[in-house]
Amino acid sequence: MRPGEQLASTVCSARVVVIRAPAGAEPVLSCGGRPMVPVATAGAAAGGPAPARASAAATLVGKRYTDESGTVEVLCTASGSGELSCDGVPMTLKAAKPLPASD
């Protein structure tokens, strides 16, 4: 996994772009309980089973997701019904940084 890489889910329509990835490590990014694949190979891997977990946590377009340590960050470019996880741990929605007061 490297910054700029585009990944797609094999169980739903979710797609992400990697913003931050750890150097020298290969975390497994999953959506709906199944590993994500590069967009170039997504067509061949599509048509898999429905997401493993029925969860209210869908992947939302335009949102950034991060792992619990903050070393992996992705930007969702296409929404989907699966939940993003990194190495089996659900990823969380990254909060926006507050802007400084202008008064």
PDB file of N, CA and C in Angstrom:
ATOM      1  N   MET A   1       0.862  -1.166   0.000  1.00  0.00           N
ATOM      2  CA  MET A   1       0.000   0.000   0.000  1.00  0.00           C
ATOM      3  C   MET A   1       0.910   1.232   0.000  1.00  0.00           C
ATOM      4  N   ARG A   2       0.594   2.202  -0.882  1.00  0.00           N
ATOM      5  CA  ARG A   2       1.369   3.435  -0.947  1.00  0.00           C
ATOM      6  C   ARG A   2       0.433   4.617  -1.180  1.00  0.00           C
ATOM      7  N   PRO A   3       0.822   5.819  -0.763  1.00  0.00           N
ATOM      8  CA  PRO A   3      -0.024   6.999  -0.984  1.00  0.00           C
ATOM      9  C   PRO A   3      -0.331   7.191  -2.470  1.00  0.00           C
ATOM     10  N   GLY A   4      -1.589   7.515  -2.755  1.00  0.00           N
ATOM     11  CA  GLY A   4      -2.044   7.706  -4.130  1.00  0.00           C
ATOM     12  C   GLY A   4      -2.659   6.467  -4.754  1.00  0.00           C
ATOM     13  N   GLU A   5      -2.456   5.320  -4.142  1.00  0.00           N
ATOM     14  CA  GLU A   5      -3.017   4.075  -4.677  1.00  0.00           C
ATOM     15  C   GLU A   5      -4.535   4.070  -4.510  1.00  0.00           C
ATOM     16  N   GLN A   6      -5.233   3.596  -5.536  1.00  0.00           N
ATOM     17  CA  GLN A   6      -6.690   3.518  -5.504  1.00  0.00           C
ATOM     18  C   GLN A   6      -7.091   2.071  -5.292  1.00  0.00           C
ATOM     19  N   LEU A   7      -7.975   1.855  -4.307  1.00  0.00           N
ATOM     20  CA  LEU A   7      -8.445   0.520  -3.969  1.00  0.00           C
ATOM     21  C   LEU A   7      -9.954   0.449  -4.070  1.00  0.00           C
ATOM     22  N   ALA A   8     -10.461  -0.733  -4.412  1.00  0.00           N
ATOM     23  CA  ALA A   8     -11.902  -0.938  -4.550  1.00  0.00           C
ATOM     24  C   ALA A   8     -12.331  -2.156  -3.740  1.00  0.00           C
ATOM     25  N   SER A   9     -13.548  -2.107  -3.253  1.00  0.00           N
ATOM     26  CA  SER A   9     -14.132  -3.217  -2.512  1.00  0.00           C
ATOM     27  C   SER A   9     -14.570  -4.300  -3.486  1.00  0.00           C
ATOM     28  N   THR A  10     -14.521  -5.550  -3.027  1.00  0.00           N
ATOM     29  CA  THR A  10     -15.007  -6.664  -3.846  1.00  0.00           C
ATOM     30  C   THR A  10     -16.432  -7.053  -3.481  1.00  0.00           C
ATOM     31  N   VAL A  11     -17.013  -6.404  -2.443  1.00  0.00           N
ATOM     32  CA  VAL A  11     -18.361  -6.766  -2.003  1.00  0.00           C
ATOM     33  C   VAL A  11     -19.385  -5.643  -2.145  1.00  0.00           C
ATOM     34  N   CYS A  12     -18.915  -4.423  -2.402  1.00  0.00           N
ATOM     35  CA  CYS A  12     -19.837  -3.304  -2.594  1.00  0.00           C
ATOM     36  C   CYS A  12     -19.172  -2.281  -3.521  1.00  0.00           C
ATOM     37  N   SER A  13     -19.772  -1.134  -3.676  1.00  0.00           N
ATOM     38  CA  SER A  13     -19.275  -0.135  -4.628  1.00  0.00           C
ATOM     39  C   SER A  13     -18.247   0.825  -4.038  1.00  0.00           C
ATOM     40  N   ALA A  14     -17.782   0.580  -2.817  1.00  0.00           N
ATOM     41  CA  ALA A  14     -16.837   1.490  -2.161  1.00  0.00           C
ATOM     42  C   ALA A  14     -15.479   1.504  -2.862  1.00  0.00           C
ATOM     43  N   ARG A  15     -14.922   2.722  -2.983  1.00  0.00           N
ATOM     44  CA  ARG A  15     -13.572   2.915  -3.512  1.00  0.00           C
ATOM     45  C   ARG A  15     -12.877   3.958  -2.660  1.00  0.00           C
ATOM     46  N   VAL A  16     -11.568   3.782  -2.466  1.00  0.00           N
ATOM     47  CA  VAL A  16     -10.791   4.717  -1.656  1.00  0.00           C
ATOM     48  C   VAL A  16      -9.465   5.030  -2.337  1.00  0.00           C
ATOM     49  N   VAL A  17      -8.882   6.160  -1.930  1.00  0.00           N
ATOM     50  CA  VAL A  17      -7.525   6.537  -2.321  1.00  0.00           C
ATOM     51  C   VAL A  17      -6.707   6.581  -1.041  1.00  0.00           C
ATOM     52  N   VAL A  18      -5.538   5.968  -1.056  1.00  0.00           N
ATOM     53  CA  VAL A  18      -4.672   5.961   0.119  1.00  0.00           C
ATOM     54  C   VAL A  18      -4.021   7.334   0.259  1.00  0.00           C
ATOM     55  N   ILE A  19      -4.204   7.973   1.408  1.00  0.00           N
ATOM     56  CA  ILE A  19      -3.607   9.277   1.699  1.00  0.00           C
ATOM     57  C   ILE A  19      -2.301   9.091   2.470  1.00  0.00           C
ATOM     58  N   ARG A  20      -2.308   8.219   3.470  1.00  0.00           N
ATOM     59  CA  ARG A  20      -1.132   7.969   4.293  1.00  0.00           C
ATOM     60  C   ARG A  20      -1.028   6.473   4.525  1.00  0.00           C
ATOM     61  N   ALA A  21       0.213   5.958   4.382  1.00  0.00           N
ATOM     62  CA  ALA A  21       0.473   4.548   4.642  1.00  0.00           C
ATOM     63  C   ALA A  21       1.828   4.425   5.326  1.00  0.00           C
ATOM     64  N   PRO A  22       1.994   3.460   6.221  1.00  0.00           N
ATOM     65  CA  PRO A  22       3.267   3.307   6.913  1.00  0.00           C
ATOM     66  C   PRO A  22       4.345   2.763   5.976  1.00  0.00           C
ATOM     67  N   ALA A  23       5.566   3.290   6.127  1.00  0.00           N
ATOM     68  CA  ALA A  23       6.691   2.807   5.329  1.00  0.00           C
ATOM     69  C   ALA A  23       7.166   1.472   5.898  1.00  0.00           C
ATOM     70  N   GLY A  24       7.398   0.525   5.024  1.00  0.00           N
ATOM     71  CA  GLY A  24       7.923  -0.761   5.453  1.00  0.00           C
ATOM     72  C   GLY A  24       6.907  -1.727   6.018  1.00  0.00           C
ATOM     73  N   ALA A  25       5.650  -1.363   6.064  1.00  0.00           N
ATOM     74  CA  ALA A  25       4.610  -2.258   6.583  1.00  0.00           C
ATOM     75  C   ALA A  25       3.541  -2.444   5.512  1.00  0.00           C
ATOM     76  N   GLU A  26       2.869  -3.567   5.559  1.00  0.00           N
ATOM     77  CA  GLU A  26       1.794  -3.861   4.611  1.00  0.00           C
ATOM     78  C   GLU A  26       0.495  -4.152   5.344  1.00  0.00           C
ATOM     79  N   PRO A  27      -0.204  -3.122   5.808  1.00  0.00           N
ATOM     80  CA  PRO A  27      -1.486  -3.364   6.467  1.00  0.00           C
ATOM     81  C   PRO A  27      -2.515  -3.877   5.460  1.00  0.00           C
ATOM     82  N   VAL A  28      -3.463  -4.656   5.948  1.00  0.00           N
ATOM     83  CA  VAL A  28      -4.523  -5.201   5.093  1.00  0.00           C
ATOM     84  C   VAL A  28      -5.757  -4.327   5.263  1.00  0.00           C
ATOM     85  N   LEU A  29      -6.147  -3.649   4.191  1.00  0.00           N
ATOM     86  CA  LEU A  29      -7.331  -2.793   4.200  1.00  0.00           C
ATOM     87  C   LEU A  29      -8.500  -3.606   3.660  1.00  0.00           C
ATOM     88  N   SER A  30      -9.586  -3.646   4.426  1.00  0.00           N
ATOM     89  CA  SER A  30     -10.752  -4.441   4.053  1.00  0.00           C
ATOM     90  C   SER A  30     -12.005  -3.587   4.042  1.00  0.00           C
ATOM     91  N   CYS A  31     -12.994  -4.034   3.281  1.00  0.00           N
ATOM     92  CA  CYS A  31     -14.304  -3.397   3.254  1.00  0.00           C
ATOM     93  C   CYS A  31     -15.349  -4.506   3.291  1.00  0.00           C
ATOM     94  N   GLY A  32     -16.228  -4.437   4.259  1.00  0.00           N
ATOM     95  CA  GLY A  32     -17.254  -5.465   4.407  1.00  0.00           C
ATOM     96  C   GLY A  32     -16.686  -6.819   4.774  1.00  0.00           C
ATOM     97  N   GLY A  33     -15.509  -6.837   5.406  1.00  0.00           N
ATOM     98  CA  GLY A  33     -14.910  -8.094   5.825  1.00  0.00           C
ATOM     99  C   GLY A  33     -14.061  -8.775   4.772  1.00  0.00           C
ATOM    100  N   ARG A  34     -13.938  -8.189   3.588  1.00  0.00           N
ATOM    101  CA  ARG A  34     -13.136  -8.777   2.503  1.00  0.00           C
ATOM    102  C   ARG A  34     -12.026  -7.807   2.104  1.00  0.00           C
ATOM    103  N   PRO A  35     -10.814  -8.291   1.811  1.00  0.00           N
ATOM    104  CA  PRO A  35      -9.712  -7.401   1.430  1.00  0.00           C
ATOM    105  C   PRO A  35     -10.045  -6.578   0.183  1.00  0.00           C
ATOM    106  N   MET A  36      -9.590  -5.314   0.193  1.00  0.00           N
ATOM    107  CA  MET A  36      -9.781  -4.447  -0.964  1.00  0.00           C
ATOM    108  C   MET A  36      -8.686  -4.754  -1.986  1.00  0.00           C
ATOM    109  N   VAL A  37      -8.970  -4.483  -3.257  1.00  0.00           N
ATOM    110  CA  VAL A  37      -8.040  -4.769  -4.344  1.00  0.00           C
ATOM    111  C   VAL A  37      -7.763  -3.490  -5.133  1.00  0.00           C
ATOM    112  N   PRO A  38      -6.635  -3.435  -5.864  1.00  0.00           N
ATOM    113  CA  PRO A  38      -6.394  -2.274  -6.715  1.00  0.00           C
ATOM    114  C   PRO A  38      -7.529  -2.087  -7.714  1.00  0.00           C
ATOM    115  N   VAL A  39      -7.841  -0.833  -8.043  1.00  0.00           N
ATOM    116  CA  VAL A  39      -8.957  -0.531  -8.937  1.00  0.00           C
ATOM    117  C   VAL A  39      -8.800  -1.240 -10.282  1.00  0.00           C
ATOM    118  N   ALA A  40      -7.576  -1.377 -10.777  1.00  0.00           N
ATOM    119  CA  ALA A  40      -7.338  -2.020 -12.071  1.00  0.00           C
ATOM    120  C   ALA A  40      -7.812  -3.471 -12.092  1.00  0.00           C
ATOM    121  N   THR A  41      -7.778  -4.157 -10.952  1.00  0.00           N
ATOM    122  CA  THR A  41      -8.215  -5.555 -10.891  1.00  0.00           C
ATOM    123  C   THR A  41      -9.591  -5.719 -10.275  1.00  0.00           C
ATOM    124  N   ALA A  42     -10.266  -4.622  -9.961  1.00  0.00           N
ATOM    125  CA  ALA A  42     -11.563  -4.695  -9.277  1.00  0.00           C
ATOM    126  C   ALA A  42     -12.637  -5.343 -10.132  1.00  0.00           C
ATOM    127  N   GLY A  43     -12.596  -5.154 -11.434  1.00  0.00           N
ATOM    128  CA  GLY A  43     -13.622  -5.718 -12.311  1.00  0.00           C
ATOM    129  C   GLY A  43     -13.633  -7.226 -12.260  1.00  0.00           C
ATOM    130  N   ALA A  44     -12.450  -7.839 -12.210  1.00  0.00           N
ATOM    131  CA  ALA A  44     -12.360  -9.297 -12.172  1.00  0.00           C
ATOM    132  C   ALA A  44     -12.787  -9.854 -10.821  1.00  0.00           C
ATOM    133  N   ALA A  45     -12.609  -9.058  -9.758  1.00  0.00           N
ATOM    134  CA  ALA A  45     -12.934  -9.531  -8.409  1.00  0.00           C
ATOM    135  C   ALA A  45     -14.346  -9.177  -7.985  1.00  0.00           C
ATOM    136  N   ALA A  46     -15.058  -8.394  -8.775  1.00  0.00           N
ATOM    137  CA  ALA A  46     -16.408  -7.955  -8.406  1.00  0.00           C
ATOM    138  C   ALA A  46     -17.385  -9.118  -8.424  1.00  0.00           C
ATOM    139  N   GLY A  47     -18.508  -8.892  -7.807  1.00  0.00           N
ATOM    140  CA  GLY A  47     -19.549  -9.905  -7.807  1.00  0.00           C
ATOM    141  C   GLY A  47     -19.433 -10.882  -6.657  1.00  0.00           C
ATOM    142  N   GLY A  48     -18.674 -10.521  -5.641  1.00  0.00           N
ATOM    143  CA  GLY A  48     -18.524 -11.377  -4.474  1.00  0.00           C
ATOM    144  C   GLY A  48     -19.773 -11.332  -3.611  1.00  0.00           C
ATOM    145  N   PRO A  49     -19.701 -11.971  -2.471  1.00  0.00           N
ATOM    146  CA  PRO A  49     -20.844 -11.976  -1.563  1.00  0.00           C
ATOM    147  C   PRO A  49     -21.095 -10.602  -0.957  1.00  0.00           C
ATOM    148  N   ALA A  50     -22.230 -10.446  -0.353  1.00  0.00           N
ATOM    149  CA  ALA A  50     -22.575  -9.186   0.323  1.00  0.00           C
ATOM    150  C   ALA A  50     -21.629  -8.969   1.495  1.00  0.00           C
ATOM    151  N   PRO A  51     -21.518  -7.747   1.982  1.00  0.00           N
ATOM    152  CA  PRO A  51     -20.642  -7.486   3.119  1.00  0.00           C
ATOM    153  C   PRO A  51     -20.901  -8.444   4.272  1.00  0.00           C
ATOM    154  N   ALA A  52     -19.806  -8.873   4.923  1.00  0.00           N
ATOM    155  CA  ALA A  52     -19.889  -9.880   5.980  1.00  0.00           C
ATOM    156  C   ALA A  52     -20.689  -9.389   7.176  1.00  0.00           C
ATOM    157  N   ARG A  53     -20.616  -8.097   7.470  1.00  0.00           N
ATOM    158  CA  ARG A  53     -21.327  -7.564   8.627  1.00  0.00           C
ATOM    159  C   ARG A  53     -22.459  -6.657   8.179  1.00  0.00           C
ATOM    160  N   ALA A  54     -23.619  -6.863   8.743  1.00  0.00           N
ATOM    161  CA  ALA A  54     -24.714  -5.935   8.508  1.00  0.00           C
ATOM    162  C   ALA A  54     -24.534  -4.806   9.514  1.00  0.00           C
ATOM    163  N   SER A  55     -23.998  -3.708   9.057  1.00  0.00           N
ATOM    164  CA  SER A  55     -23.651  -2.626   9.964  1.00  0.00           C
ATOM    165  C   SER A  55     -24.230  -1.324   9.470  1.00  0.00           C
ATOM    166  N   ALA A  56     -24.513  -0.427  10.407  1.00  0.00           N
ATOM    167  CA  ALA A  56     -25.004   0.893  10.035  1.00  0.00           C
ATOM    168  C   ALA A  56     -23.850   1.774   9.576  1.00  0.00           C
ATOM    169  N   ALA A  57     -22.604   1.304   9.759  1.00  0.00           N
ATOM    170  CA  ALA A  57     -21.416   2.086   9.399  1.00  0.00           C
ATOM    171  C   ALA A  57     -21.069   1.847   7.941  1.00  0.00           C
ATOM    172  N   ALA A  58     -21.693   2.590   7.054  1.00  0.00           N
ATOM    173  CA  ALA A  58     -21.386   2.504   5.632  1.00  0.00           C
ATOM    174  C   ALA A  58     -20.216   3.434   5.328  1.00  0.00           C
ATOM    175  N   THR A  59     -19.569   3.205   4.195  1.00  0.00           N
ATOM    176  CA  THR A  59     -18.471   4.050   3.759  1.00  0.00           C
ATOM    177  C   THR A  59     -19.059   5.226   2.987  1.00  0.00           C
ATOM    178  N   LEU A  60     -18.743   6.454   3.421  1.00  0.00           N
ATOM    179  CA  LEU A  60     -19.347   7.654   2.849  1.00  0.00           C
ATOM    180  C   LEU A  60     -18.375   8.400   1.939  1.00  0.00           C
ATOM    181  N   VAL A  61     -18.848   8.799   0.763  1.00  0.00           N
ATOM    182  CA  VAL A  61     -18.006   9.505  -0.202  1.00  0.00           C
ATOM    183  C   VAL A  61     -17.541  10.848   0.357  1.00  0.00           C
ATOM    184  N   GLY A  62     -16.271  11.185   0.088  1.00  0.00           N
ATOM    185  CA  GLY A  62     -15.717  12.457   0.521  1.00  0.00           C
ATOM    186  C   GLY A  62     -15.203  12.479   1.947  1.00  0.00           C
ATOM    187  N   LYS A  63     -15.347  11.402   2.665  1.00  0.00           N
ATOM    188  CA  LYS A  63     -14.902  11.334   4.060  1.00  0.00           C
ATOM    189  C   LYS A  63     -13.549  10.638   4.156  1.00  0.00           C
ATOM    190  N   ARG A  64     -12.764  11.044   5.158  1.00  0.00           N
ATOM    191  CA  ARG A  64     -11.478  10.422   5.420  1.00  0.00           C
ATOM    192  C   ARG A  64     -11.621   9.457   6.584  1.00  0.00           C
ATOM    193  N   TYR A  65     -10.979   8.311   6.446  1.00  0.00           N
ATOM    194  CA  TYR A  65     -11.006   7.277   7.471  1.00  0.00           C
ATOM    195  C   TYR A  65      -9.574   6.973   7.890  1.00  0.00           C
ATOM    196  N   THR A  66      -9.387   6.699   9.183  1.00  0.00           N
ATOM    197  CA  THR A  66      -8.056   6.418   9.705  1.00  0.00           C
ATOM    198  C   THR A  66      -8.100   5.211  10.629  1.00  0.00           C
ATOM    199  N   ASP A  67      -6.959   4.536  10.762  1.00  0.00           N
ATOM    200  CA  ASP A  67      -6.896   3.422  11.699  1.00  0.00           C
ATOM    201  C   ASP A  67      -6.664   3.965  13.108  1.00  0.00           C
ATOM    202  N   GLU A  68      -6.691   3.093  14.102  1.00  0.00           N
ATOM    203  CA  GLU A  68      -6.603   3.553  15.492  1.00  0.00           C
ATOM    204  C   GLU A  68      -5.267   4.193  15.845  1.00  0.00           C
ATOM    205  N   SER A  69      -4.188   3.839  15.144  1.00  0.00           N
ATOM    206  CA  SER A  69      -2.885   4.437  15.444  1.00  0.00           C
ATOM    207  C   SER A  69      -2.611   5.686  14.611  1.00  0.00           C
ATOM    208  N   GLY A  70      -3.433   5.949  13.593  1.00  0.00           N
ATOM    209  CA  GLY A  70      -3.254   7.126  12.751  1.00  0.00           C
ATOM    210  C   GLY A  70      -2.197   6.969  11.675  1.00  0.00           C
ATOM    211  N   THR A  71      -1.713   5.754  11.451  1.00  0.00           N
ATOM    212  CA  THR A  71      -0.681   5.541  10.434  1.00  0.00           C
ATOM    213  C   THR A  71      -1.251   5.285   9.044  1.00  0.00           C
ATOM    214  N   VAL A  72      -2.503   4.851   8.972  1.00  0.00           N
ATOM    215  CA  VAL A  72      -3.163   4.611   7.684  1.00  0.00           C
ATOM    216  C   VAL A  72      -4.343   5.572   7.576  1.00  0.00           C
ATOM    217  N   GLU A  73      -4.402   6.288   6.453  1.00  0.00           N
ATOM    218  CA  GLU A  73      -5.510   7.212   6.207  1.00  0.00           C
ATOM    219  C   GLU A  73      -5.942   7.061   4.753  1.00  0.00           C
ATOM    220  N   VAL A  74      -7.254   6.974   4.528  1.00  0.00           N
ATOM    221  CA  VAL A  74      -7.801   6.846   3.176  1.00  0.00           C
ATOM    222  C   VAL A  74      -8.915   7.862   2.980  1.00  0.00           C
ATOM    223  N   LEU A  75      -9.135   8.232   1.731  1.00  0.00           N
ATOM    224  CA  LEU A  75     -10.228   9.128   1.341  1.00  0.00           C
ATOM    225  C   LEU A  75     -11.194   8.320   0.494  1.00  0.00           C
ATOM    226  N   CYS A  76     -12.456   8.318   0.867  1.00  0.00           N
ATOM    227  CA  CYS A  76     -13.470   7.567   0.133  1.00  0.00           C
ATOM    228  C   CYS A  76     -13.881   8.337  -1.125  1.00  0.00           C
ATOM    229  N   THR A  77     -13.754   7.707  -2.300  1.00  0.00           N
ATOM    230  CA  THR A  77     -14.116   8.344  -3.562  1.00  0.00           C
ATOM    231  C   THR A  77     -15.428   7.817  -4.134  1.00  0.00           C
ATOM    232  N   ALA A  78     -15.917   6.694  -3.595  1.00  0.00           N
ATOM    233  CA  ALA A  78     -17.222   6.151  -3.990  1.00  0.00           C
ATOM    234  C   ALA A  78     -17.800   5.450  -2.767  1.00  0.00           C
ATOM    235  N   SER A  79     -19.032   5.795  -2.418  1.00  0.00           N
ATOM    236  CA  SER A  79     -19.636   5.224  -1.215  1.00  0.00           C
ATOM    237  C   SER A  79     -20.023   3.764  -1.428  1.00  0.00           C
ATOM    238  N   GLY A  80     -20.176   3.074  -0.307  1.00  0.00           N
ATOM    239  CA  GLY A  80     -20.564   1.672  -0.362  1.00  0.00           C
ATOM    240  C   GLY A  80     -21.209   1.256   0.945  1.00  0.00           C
ATOM    241  N   SER A  81     -21.736   0.055   0.979  1.00  0.00           N
ATOM    242  CA  SER A  81     -22.445  -0.418   2.164  1.00  0.00           C
ATOM    243  C   SER A  81     -21.539  -1.123   3.166  1.00  0.00           C
ATOM    244  N   GLY A  82     -20.294  -1.417   2.783  1.00  0.00           N
ATOM    245  CA  GLY A  82     -19.379  -2.110   3.680  1.00  0.00           C
ATOM    246  C   GLY A  82     -18.654  -1.175   4.624  1.00  0.00           C
ATOM    247  N   GLU A  83     -18.181  -1.719   5.738  1.00  0.00           N
ATOM    248  CA  GLU A  83     -17.430  -0.963   6.732  1.00  0.00           C
ATOM    249  C   GLU A  83     -15.941  -1.161   6.478  1.00  0.00           C
ATOM    250  N   LEU A  84     -15.163  -0.059   6.491  1.00  0.00           N
ATOM    251  CA  LEU A  84     -13.724  -0.130   6.284  1.00  0.00           C
ATOM    252  C   LEU A  84     -13.033  -0.619   7.548  1.00  0.00           C
ATOM    253  N   SER A  85     -12.018  -1.465   7.369  1.00  0.00           N
ATOM    254  CA  SER A  85     -11.212  -1.913   8.499  1.00  0.00           C
ATOM    255  C   SER A  85      -9.768  -2.065   8.050  1.00  0.00           C
ATOM    256  N   CYS A  86      -8.860  -1.931   9.004  1.00  0.00           N
ATOM    257  CA  CYS A  86      -7.433  -2.071   8.741  1.00  0.00           C
ATOM    258  C   CYS A  86      -6.905  -3.147   9.673  1.00  0.00           C
ATOM    259  N   ASP A  87      -6.366  -4.218   9.121  1.00  0.00           N
ATOM    260  CA  ASP A  87      -5.879  -5.361   9.901  1.00  0.00           C
ATOM    261  C   ASP A  87      -6.947  -5.894  10.847  1.00  0.00           C
ATOM    262  N   GLY A  88      -8.195  -5.903  10.400  1.00  0.00           N
ATOM    263  CA  GLY A  88      -9.296  -6.469  11.174  1.00  0.00           C
ATOM    264  C   GLY A  88      -9.942  -5.534  12.180  1.00  0.00           C
ATOM    265  N   VAL A  89      -9.402  -4.313  12.337  1.00  0.00           N
ATOM    266  CA  VAL A  89      -9.951  -3.349  13.293  1.00  0.00           C
ATOM    267  C   VAL A  89     -10.700  -2.264  12.513  1.00  0.00           C
ATOM    268  N   PRO A  90     -11.962  -1.992  12.846  1.00  0.00           N
ATOM    269  CA  PRO A  90     -12.725  -0.981  12.106  1.00  0.00           C
ATOM    270  C   PRO A  90     -12.024   0.379  12.108  1.00  0.00           C
ATOM    271  N   MET A  91     -12.040   1.038  10.948  1.00  0.00           N
ATOM    272  CA  MET A  91     -11.461   2.372  10.821  1.00  0.00           C
ATOM    273  C   MET A  91     -12.491   3.397  11.282  1.00  0.00           C
ATOM    274  N   THR A  92     -12.012   4.538  11.759  1.00  0.00           N
ATOM    275  CA  THR A  92     -12.909   5.578  12.244  1.00  0.00           C
ATOM    276  C   THR A  92     -12.903   6.767  11.301  1.00  0.00           C
ATOM    277  N   LEU A  93     -13.994   7.493  11.334  1.00  0.00           N
ATOM    278  CA  LEU A  93     -14.126   8.706  10.540  1.00  0.00           C
ATOM    279  C   LEU A  93     -13.206   9.760  11.132  1.00  0.00           C
ATOM    280  N   LYS A  94     -12.383  10.371  10.285  1.00  0.00           N
ATOM    281  CA  LYS A  94     -11.443  11.382  10.770  1.00  0.00           C
ATOM    282  C   LYS A  94     -12.185  12.698  10.943  1.00  0.00           C
ATOM    283  N   ALA A  95     -12.019  13.298  12.106  1.00  0.00           N
ATOM    284  CA  ALA A  95     -12.691  14.565  12.404  1.00  0.00           C
ATOM    285  C   ALA A  95     -11.967  15.717  11.719  1.00  0.00           C
ATOM    286  N   ALA A  96     -12.722  16.716  11.314  1.00  0.00           N
ATOM    287  CA  ALA A  96     -12.148  17.906  10.691  1.00  0.00           C
ATOM    288  C   ALA A  96     -11.433  18.738  11.746  1.00  0.00           C
ATOM    289  N   LYS A  97     -10.338  19.377  11.329  1.00  0.00           N
ATOM    290  CA  LYS A  97      -9.624  20.257  12.238  1.00  0.00           C
ATOM    291  C   LYS A  97     -10.380  21.556  12.377  1.00  0.00           C
ATOM    292  N   PRO A  98     -10.527  22.065  13.584  1.00  0.00           N
ATOM    293  CA  PRO A  98     -11.239  23.332  13.761  1.00  0.00           C
ATOM    294  C   PRO A  98     -10.424  24.496  13.168  1.00  0.00           C
ATOM    295  N   LEU A  99     -11.118  25.420  12.529  1.00  0.00           N
ATOM    296  CA  LEU A  99     -10.470  26.600  11.958  1.00  0.00           C
ATOM    297  C   LEU A  99     -10.223  27.618  13.068  1.00  0.00           C
ATOM    298  N   PRO A 100      -9.167  28.422  12.916  1.00  0.00           N
ATOM    299  CA  PRO A 100      -8.929  29.448  13.939  1.00  0.00           C
ATOM    300  C   PRO A 100      -9.989  30.529  13.890  1.00  0.00           C
ATOM    301  N   ALA A 101     -10.223  31.143  15.035  1.00  0.00           N
ATOM    302  CA  ALA A 101     -11.201  32.227  15.117  1.00  0.00           C
ATOM    303  C   ALA A 101     -10.704  33.415  14.304  1.00  0.00           C
ATOM    304  N   SER A 102     -11.615  34.087  13.637  1.00  0.00           N
ATOM    305  CA  SER A 102     -11.214  35.214  12.780  1.00  0.00           C
ATOM    306  C   SER A 102     -11.519  36.562  13.394  1.00  0.00           C
ATOM    307  N   ASP A 103     -11.975  36.596  14.632  1.00  0.00           N
ATOM    308  CA  ASP A 103     -12.309  37.881  15.241  1.00  0.00           C
ATOM    309  C   ASP A 103     -11.200  38.341  16.093  1.00  0.00           C
TER     310      ASP A 103
END
